[in-house]
Protein backbone atom coordinates (compact mmCIF):
# COMPACT_ATOMS: atom_id res chain seq x y z
CA MET A 1 -79.69 38.87 9.67
CA SER A 2 -76.72 37.14 11.35
CA ASN A 3 -75.27 40.56 12.24
CA ARG A 4 -78.32 41.43 14.32
CA LEU A 5 -78.52 37.92 15.72
CA PHE A 6 -74.89 37.95 16.88
CA GLN A 7 -75.07 41.52 18.18
CA GLY A 8 -78.09 40.71 20.33
CA ILE A 9 -76.28 37.81 22.02
CA ILE A 10 -73.00 39.69 22.44
CA TYR A 11 -74.83 42.65 23.95
CA GLN A 12 -76.40 40.32 26.54
CA MET A 13 -72.94 38.84 27.33
CA LYS A 14 -71.33 42.26 27.65
CA ASP A 15 -71.81 42.63 31.42
CA ALA A 16 -70.86 39.00 32.14
CA VAL A 17 -67.59 39.15 30.16
CA ASP A 18 -65.13 41.82 31.27
CA ARG A 19 -63.43 41.86 27.87
CA VAL A 20 -64.09 43.07 24.36
CA ILE A 21 -65.79 40.32 22.36
CA GLY A 22 -67.12 40.27 18.82
CA VAL A 23 -67.48 38.65 15.41
CA ILE A 24 -65.87 39.36 12.03
CA ASP A 25 -67.29 38.23 8.69
CA ASP A 26 -65.73 36.57 5.67
CA SER A 27 -64.29 39.91 4.47
CA GLY A 28 -62.48 40.54 7.78
CA ILE A 29 -64.87 43.28 8.93
CA VAL A 30 -66.16 43.48 12.51
CA ILE A 31 -69.94 43.01 12.24
CA SER A 32 -70.77 42.60 15.95
CA CYS A 33 -68.93 43.79 19.03
CA SER A 34 -69.45 44.56 22.71
CA GLU A 35 -67.91 47.97 21.95
CA LEU A 36 -70.19 49.43 19.31
CA GLY A 37 -67.54 51.85 18.10
CA ARG A 38 -65.46 48.95 16.76
CA ILE A 39 -68.17 47.69 14.41
CA GLY A 40 -66.96 48.24 10.87
CA GLU A 41 -63.26 47.89 11.68
CA ALA A 42 -61.11 45.70 9.42
CA ARG A 43 -59.06 42.91 11.02
CA GLN A 44 -56.44 42.24 8.35
CA GLY A 45 -54.53 38.97 8.27
CA VAL A 46 -56.72 37.10 10.75
CA ARG A 47 -58.49 35.00 8.16
CA GLU A 48 -55.22 34.11 6.45
CA GLU A 49 -53.69 33.02 9.76
CA LEU A 50 -56.68 30.84 10.60
CA THR A 51 -56.42 29.16 7.22
CA TYR A 52 -53.18 27.56 8.34
CA ALA A 53 -54.11 27.15 12.04
CA SER A 54 -56.29 24.37 13.44
CA ASP A 55 -59.14 26.49 14.79
CA VAL A 56 -57.66 29.32 16.90
CA VAL A 57 -55.03 32.04 16.42
CA VAL A 58 -53.59 34.67 18.80
CA MET A 59 -52.42 38.00 17.39
CA GLY A 60 -52.52 41.73 18.12
CA GLY A 61 -53.77 41.31 21.68
CA TYR A 62 -56.81 39.22 20.66
CA THR A 63 -57.70 35.54 20.44
CA TYR A 64 -59.53 34.55 17.27
CA ARG A 65 -61.48 31.34 16.70
CA SER A 66 -63.54 30.09 13.76
CA LEU A 67 -67.22 29.92 14.51
CA ASN A 68 -67.32 26.62 12.68
CA THR A 69 -64.18 24.67 11.85
CA ALA A 70 -65.96 23.09 8.88
CA THR A 71 -66.51 26.50 7.24
CA LYS A 72 -63.59 28.65 8.39
CA ASN A 73 -64.25 31.39 5.88
CA GLU A 74 -67.69 32.24 7.22
CA TYR A 75 -67.51 33.86 10.70
CA ILE A 76 -64.72 34.31 13.27
CA VAL A 77 -65.21 35.25 16.93
CA PHE A 78 -62.63 37.27 18.86
CA VAL A 79 -61.95 37.91 22.53
CA GLU A 80 -59.63 40.54 24.00
CA GLY A 81 -56.49 38.93 25.44
CA GLU A 82 -53.96 36.24 24.54
CA ASP A 83 -54.17 34.18 27.73
CA LYS A 84 -55.93 30.94 28.65
CA VAL A 85 -59.01 32.84 29.84
CA ALA A 86 -59.34 34.45 26.40
CA ASP A 87 -58.97 31.02 24.80
CA LYS A 88 -61.75 29.53 26.94
CA LEU A 89 -64.01 32.55 26.41
CA SER A 90 -63.50 32.35 22.64
CA MET A 91 -64.45 28.66 22.76
CA ILE A 92 -67.61 29.40 24.77
CA LEU A 93 -68.51 32.29 22.47
CA SER A 94 -67.93 30.18 19.37
CA ILE A 95 -70.07 27.29 20.63
CA SER A 96 -72.89 29.60 21.78
CA LEU A 97 -73.08 31.64 18.57
CA LEU A 98 -72.78 28.55 16.38
CA ASN A 99 -75.69 26.82 18.11
CA ILE A 100 -77.81 29.96 17.93
CA LYS A 101 -76.95 30.44 14.25
CA ASN A 102 -77.82 26.83 13.45
CA LEU A 103 -81.17 27.24 15.17
CA TYR A 104 -81.81 30.45 13.24
CA ASP A 105 -80.77 28.88 9.93
CA ASP A 106 -83.01 25.92 10.63
CA LYS A 107 -85.90 28.25 11.38
CA HIS A 108 -85.12 30.34 8.31
CA ASP A 109 -85.02 27.27 6.05
CA LYS A 110 -88.37 26.12 7.37
CA SER A 111 -89.85 29.60 6.93
CA SER A 112 -88.67 29.68 3.31
CA PHE A 113 -90.14 26.22 2.82
CA ILE A 114 -93.53 27.33 4.18
CA LYS A 115 -93.44 30.46 2.03
CA ASN A 116 -92.92 28.35 -1.07
CA ILE A 117 -95.88 26.19 -0.08
CA ILE A 118 -98.37 29.00 0.52
CA LEU A 119 -97.32 30.79 -2.67
CA ASP A 120 -97.51 27.56 -4.72
CA ASN A 121 -93.82 27.76 -5.60
CA ILE A 122 -93.13 24.09 -4.91
CA LEU A 123 -94.48 20.96 -6.54
CA PRO A 124 -96.79 18.86 -4.34
CA SER A 125 -94.55 15.86 -4.94
CA ASP A 126 -91.57 17.78 -3.50
CA ILE A 127 -93.32 18.93 -0.33
CA TYR A 128 -92.99 15.66 1.58
CA ALA A 129 -89.40 15.11 0.48
CA LYS A 130 -88.44 18.60 1.67
CA SER A 131 -90.39 18.12 4.91
CA LYS A 132 -88.41 14.98 5.66
CA GLU A 133 -85.15 16.77 4.88
CA LEU A 134 -86.02 19.63 7.26
CA HIS A 135 -87.54 17.31 9.91
CA PHE A 136 -90.77 19.24 9.54
CA ALA A 137 -93.98 17.69 10.91
CA THR A 138 -96.47 17.33 8.05
CA ASP A 139 -99.61 16.17 9.88
CA VAL A 140 -99.95 18.96 12.46
CA SER A 141 -102.98 21.27 12.60
CA ARG A 142 -102.08 24.78 11.45
CA VAL A 143 -103.89 27.96 10.41
CA VAL A 144 -102.82 30.93 8.30
CA PHE A 145 -103.28 34.55 9.34
CA LEU A 146 -102.81 37.26 6.70
CA ILE A 147 -101.98 40.60 8.31
CA LYS A 148 -102.29 43.71 6.13
CA PHE A 149 -100.75 46.86 7.56
CA ASN A 150 -102.82 49.91 6.62
CA GLY A 151 -101.35 53.32 5.86
CA LYS A 152 -97.76 54.30 5.22
CA ASN A 153 -95.18 54.58 8.00
CA ASP A 154 -91.61 53.64 8.82
CA ILE A 155 -92.33 50.32 10.53
CA ILE A 156 -91.45 47.05 8.80
CA PRO A 157 -94.38 44.60 9.09
CA TYR A 158 -92.16 41.51 9.08
CA ASP A 159 -90.00 42.82 11.93
CA VAL A 160 -93.07 43.76 13.97
CA MET A 161 -94.60 40.30 13.59
CA GLN A 162 -91.26 38.55 14.18
CA ASN A 163 -90.87 40.43 17.47
CA MET A 164 -94.36 39.36 18.52
CA PHE A 165 -93.64 35.69 17.76
CA PRO A 166 -89.88 35.32 18.40
CA GLY A 167 -88.01 32.04 18.32
CA LYS A 168 -91.10 29.87 18.38
CA ASN A 169 -90.45 26.63 16.54
CA LYS A 170 -94.16 26.04 16.07
CA ASP A 171 -95.10 29.44 14.63
CA TYR A 172 -93.64 31.01 11.51
CA VAL A 173 -93.76 34.59 10.27
CA ILE A 174 -93.52 34.97 6.49
CA ASN A 175 -92.99 38.17 4.52
CA VAL A 176 -95.29 38.19 1.45
CA GLY A 177 -95.33 41.87 0.50
CA GLU A 178 -94.26 45.37 1.42
CA ARG A 179 -97.21 45.83 3.79
CA ASP A 180 -98.30 42.19 4.25
CA SER A 181 -97.13 39.48 6.60
CA VAL A 182 -98.32 35.92 7.15
CA LEU A 183 -98.40 34.06 10.44
CA VAL A 184 -98.59 30.27 10.18
CA LYS A 185 -99.62 29.10 13.62
CA GLU A 186 -99.83 25.60 15.02
CA VAL A 187 -103.10 24.91 16.83
CA LYS A 188 -104.48 22.23 19.09
CA THR A 189 -106.53 19.38 17.63
CA ASN A 190 -109.64 20.50 19.53
CA TYR A 191 -109.29 24.10 18.37
CA ASP A 192 -112.03 26.74 18.58
CA MET A 193 -112.26 29.42 15.88
CA LYS A 194 -112.92 31.96 18.64
CA GLU A 195 -109.42 31.24 19.93
CA MET A 196 -108.03 32.05 16.46
CA GLU A 197 -109.96 35.31 16.42
CA GLU A 198 -108.61 36.10 19.88
CA VAL A 199 -105.05 35.63 18.60
CA ALA A 200 -105.85 38.01 15.75
CA ARG A 201 -107.38 40.52 18.18
CA ASN A 202 -104.25 40.45 20.33
CA ILE A 203 -102.10 41.11 17.25
CA SER A 204 -104.32 43.99 16.17
CA ASP A 205 -104.47 45.57 19.63
CA THR A 206 -100.70 45.27 20.18
CA ILE A 207 -99.83 46.86 16.83
CA SER A 208 -102.40 49.59 17.36
CA SER A 209 -101.21 50.49 20.86
CA GLU A 210 -97.46 50.17 20.31
CA PHE A 211 -97.07 51.35 16.72
CA TYR A 212 -100.23 53.45 16.25
CA THR A 213 -101.00 51.51 13.10
CA LYS A 214 -104.17 49.69 12.12
CA VAL A 215 -104.16 46.28 10.53
CA SER A 216 -106.70 44.09 8.77
CA ILE A 217 -106.42 40.37 9.49
CA GLY A 218 -107.85 37.53 7.44
CA ILE A 219 -108.00 34.03 8.96
CA GLY A 220 -108.07 30.88 6.82
CA THR A 221 -109.46 27.55 7.95
CA VAL A 222 -107.42 25.14 10.06
CA VAL A 223 -105.69 22.48 7.93
CA ASN A 224 -104.28 19.17 9.11
CA ASN A 225 -101.67 18.64 6.42
CA ILE A 226 -98.80 20.84 5.35
CA LYS A 227 -99.73 20.69 1.66
CA ASP A 228 -103.05 22.39 2.48
CA LEU A 229 -101.39 25.54 3.86
CA ALA A 230 -101.71 27.11 0.40
CA ARG A 231 -105.48 26.68 0.65
CA SER A 232 -105.62 28.26 4.10
CA TYR A 233 -103.58 31.21 2.80
CA LYS A 234 -105.95 31.72 -0.17
CA GLU A 235 -108.89 31.56 2.23
CA ALA A 236 -107.31 34.28 4.38
CA GLN A 237 -106.93 36.40 1.24
CA VAL A 238 -110.57 35.81 0.29
CA ALA A 239 -111.68 36.66 3.84
CA LEU A 240 -110.03 40.08 3.58
CA GLU A 241 -111.37 40.73 0.08
CA VAL A 242 -114.94 39.72 0.94
CA GLY A 243 -114.77 41.56 4.25
CA LYS A 244 -113.68 44.71 2.45
CA VAL A 245 -116.94 44.55 0.49
CA PHE A 246 -119.52 43.31 2.99
CA ASP A 247 -118.03 43.93 6.47
CA THR A 248 -116.24 47.23 6.06
CA GLU A 249 -116.40 48.00 9.77
CA LYS A 250 -114.56 44.81 10.76
CA ASP A 251 -110.76 44.50 10.89
CA ILE A 252 -110.68 40.77 11.71
CA ILE A 253 -112.48 38.40 9.38
CA SER A 254 -112.35 34.61 9.32
CA TYR A 255 -113.16 32.57 6.24
CA ASP A 256 -115.51 30.35 8.28
CA ASN A 257 -117.75 33.34 9.08
CA LEU A 258 -118.11 34.88 5.62
CA GLY A 259 -121.55 33.39 5.11
CA ILE A 260 -123.40 34.19 1.91
CA GLY A 261 -120.90 36.96 1.11
CA ARG A 262 -118.40 34.29 0.10
CA LEU A 263 -120.86 32.84 -2.41
CA ILE A 264 -121.76 36.22 -3.91
CA TYR A 265 -118.10 37.15 -4.26
CA GLN A 266 -117.52 34.13 -6.48
CA LEU A 267 -120.40 34.92 -8.87
CA PRO A 268 -119.81 36.47 -12.31
CA THR A 269 -120.80 40.14 -12.42
CA THR A 270 -123.10 39.55 -15.41
CA LEU A 271 -125.08 37.01 -13.39
CA CYS A 272 -125.33 39.49 -10.51
CA GLU A 273 -126.68 42.19 -12.82
CA MET A 274 -129.31 39.80 -14.19
CA PHE A 275 -130.34 38.88 -10.64
CA LEU A 276 -130.87 42.56 -9.70
CA GLN A 277 -132.90 43.20 -12.83
CA GLU A 278 -135.16 40.24 -12.04
CA VAL A 279 -135.61 41.16 -8.37
CA PHE A 280 -136.29 44.85 -8.99
CA LYS A 281 -138.16 44.63 -12.28
CA LYS A 282 -141.02 46.67 -10.78
CA GLY A 283 -138.73 49.44 -9.54
CA PRO A 284 -134.93 49.84 -9.34
CA LEU A 285 -133.04 49.80 -6.07
CA GLU A 286 -131.86 53.33 -6.83
CA SER A 287 -135.45 54.56 -6.41
CA LEU A 288 -135.11 54.11 -2.63
CA ASP A 289 -133.88 57.17 -0.73
CA LYS A 290 -131.27 57.16 2.05
CA GLU A 291 -133.84 57.22 4.87
CA THR A 292 -135.64 54.23 3.39
CA LEU A 293 -132.41 52.25 3.06
CA MET A 294 -131.56 53.03 6.71
CA THR A 295 -135.00 51.79 7.71
CA ILE A 296 -134.43 48.56 5.78
CA GLN A 297 -131.04 48.04 7.42
CA ALA A 298 -132.50 48.57 10.90
CA PHE A 299 -135.35 46.18 10.11
CA PHE A 300 -132.87 43.46 9.17
CA GLU A 301 -130.68 44.13 12.21
CA ASN A 302 -133.72 43.65 14.48
CA ASN A 303 -134.73 40.33 12.92
CA LEU A 304 -137.76 41.71 11.03
CA ASN A 305 -139.39 42.76 14.30
CA VAL A 306 -141.59 45.82 13.66
CA SER A 307 -141.95 46.86 17.30
CA GLU A 308 -138.25 46.56 18.11
CA THR A 309 -137.23 48.35 14.90
CA SER A 310 -139.61 51.27 15.52
CA ARG A 311 -138.23 51.58 19.05
CA LYS A 312 -134.62 51.63 17.82
CA LEU A 313 -135.44 54.19 15.12
CA PHE A 314 -137.46 56.32 17.58
CA VAL A 315 -140.47 56.32 15.26
CA HIS A 316 -144.08 55.30 15.78
CA ARG A 317 -144.98 51.75 14.80
CA ASN A 318 -147.47 53.03 12.22
CA THR A 319 -144.74 55.18 10.66
CA LEU A 320 -142.53 52.15 10.21
CA VAL A 321 -145.44 50.14 8.74
CA TYR A 322 -146.07 53.02 6.32
CA ARG A 323 -142.41 52.96 5.21
CA LEU A 324 -142.46 49.18 4.71
CA GLU A 325 -145.60 49.50 2.63
CA LYS A 326 -143.93 52.21 0.55
CA ILE A 327 -141.03 49.82 -0.11
CA ARG A 328 -143.48 47.11 -1.17
CA LYS A 329 -145.15 49.42 -3.67
CA LEU A 330 -141.81 50.59 -5.10
CA THR A 331 -140.08 47.21 -5.38
CA GLY A 332 -142.82 44.61 -5.14
CA LEU A 333 -141.10 43.07 -2.07
CA ASP A 334 -142.81 42.97 1.33
CA LEU A 335 -140.00 42.81 3.88
CA ARG A 336 -142.41 41.50 6.53
CA GLU A 337 -142.49 38.23 4.58
CA PHE A 338 -139.47 36.06 5.27
CA GLU A 339 -138.81 34.98 1.66
CA HIS A 340 -139.08 38.56 0.39
CA ALA A 341 -136.75 39.76 3.16
CA ILE A 342 -134.12 37.16 2.24
CA THR A 343 -134.32 38.13 -1.44
CA PHE A 344 -133.97 41.81 -0.60
CA LYS A 345 -131.04 41.18 1.76
CA VAL A 346 -129.18 39.17 -0.87
CA ALA A 347 -129.96 41.83 -3.48
CA LEU A 348 -128.44 44.54 -1.28
CA MET A 349 -125.29 42.47 -0.89
CA VAL A 350 -125.11 41.83 -4.64
CA LYS A 351 -125.48 45.56 -5.28
CA LYS A 352 -122.68 46.24 -2.82
CA TYR A 353 -120.49 43.68 -4.57
CA LEU A 354 -121.11 45.21 -7.99
CA SER A 355 -120.34 48.67 -6.64
CA SER A 356 -116.99 47.38 -5.36
CA LYS A 357 -116.26 46.13 -8.86
CA SER A 358 -117.19 49.53 -10.29
CA VAL A 359 -119.95 47.98 -12.40
CA LYS A 360 -122.73 50.40 -13.28
């Protein structure tokens, strides 16, 4: 990653510095340069010379300086020329790249730390000790977004998300799979879940418009302590799994809004089968045809209002009443009664859940 980091900075300096500048690695190979054609060249003898020099060496028309005098064998910057200007430019370049690298390393260490937390790869007793070592705030409100990239293409999810949230010390992008990325975002104390959903919508719209790729985003609950990030991550996972069963048309699902679907998803399948048998002991759910099921769905969507449902379905009120009566005779449940409607609604969701589990 340092190669890309250094090259980005050097490319920005290219127009301001009227000389060839670059970086070589611990094997003496040019890894970043203002002249792209020089990347990959070997600079023999430079590292050996710097071993015996204080921090700078001049040879072959270039001035070389260790990026960090404490670790001379890591990276070396070079500037075209052997004069005082080259010496000053090499010093400026060394200081700039070192500071940027330290910031990146600090960010990377914290990202790795967060990844270990959300994946439960660190003992709870070690979390606070590591937080103190990294100067990481432990009592800040944060929320986890799980972004699943759908379909197969050439884009790298982590790079896409990193470009959308670059260099932000409060937000961290974590790679958790080939097509999955996690965003751990700091939020205000007086947060609103609608704001979290808006962040997710912006991510989805940006990826869709710029990369022609659809994503599904699960949002965990906001946690106030770093050790609870693992819980928020699991909630984001559950949100996507439950949404895949009960809200197939949605691409953004928050754990807070799962409702009864979350409860059903946690039930044993045997218990769900028993529930369906008890509810539909007079007649199985399979006895209802497609038109009848559409009528039931519309009736629920219109809050059990017969007049409004008949208007939306473009049928006469008496026709709808006839269909509801037919359902009552087949199943023993009158959807015009609130308790029966609730039972039927839950039963439909349970049936959907069992179907997703391939239980017949």
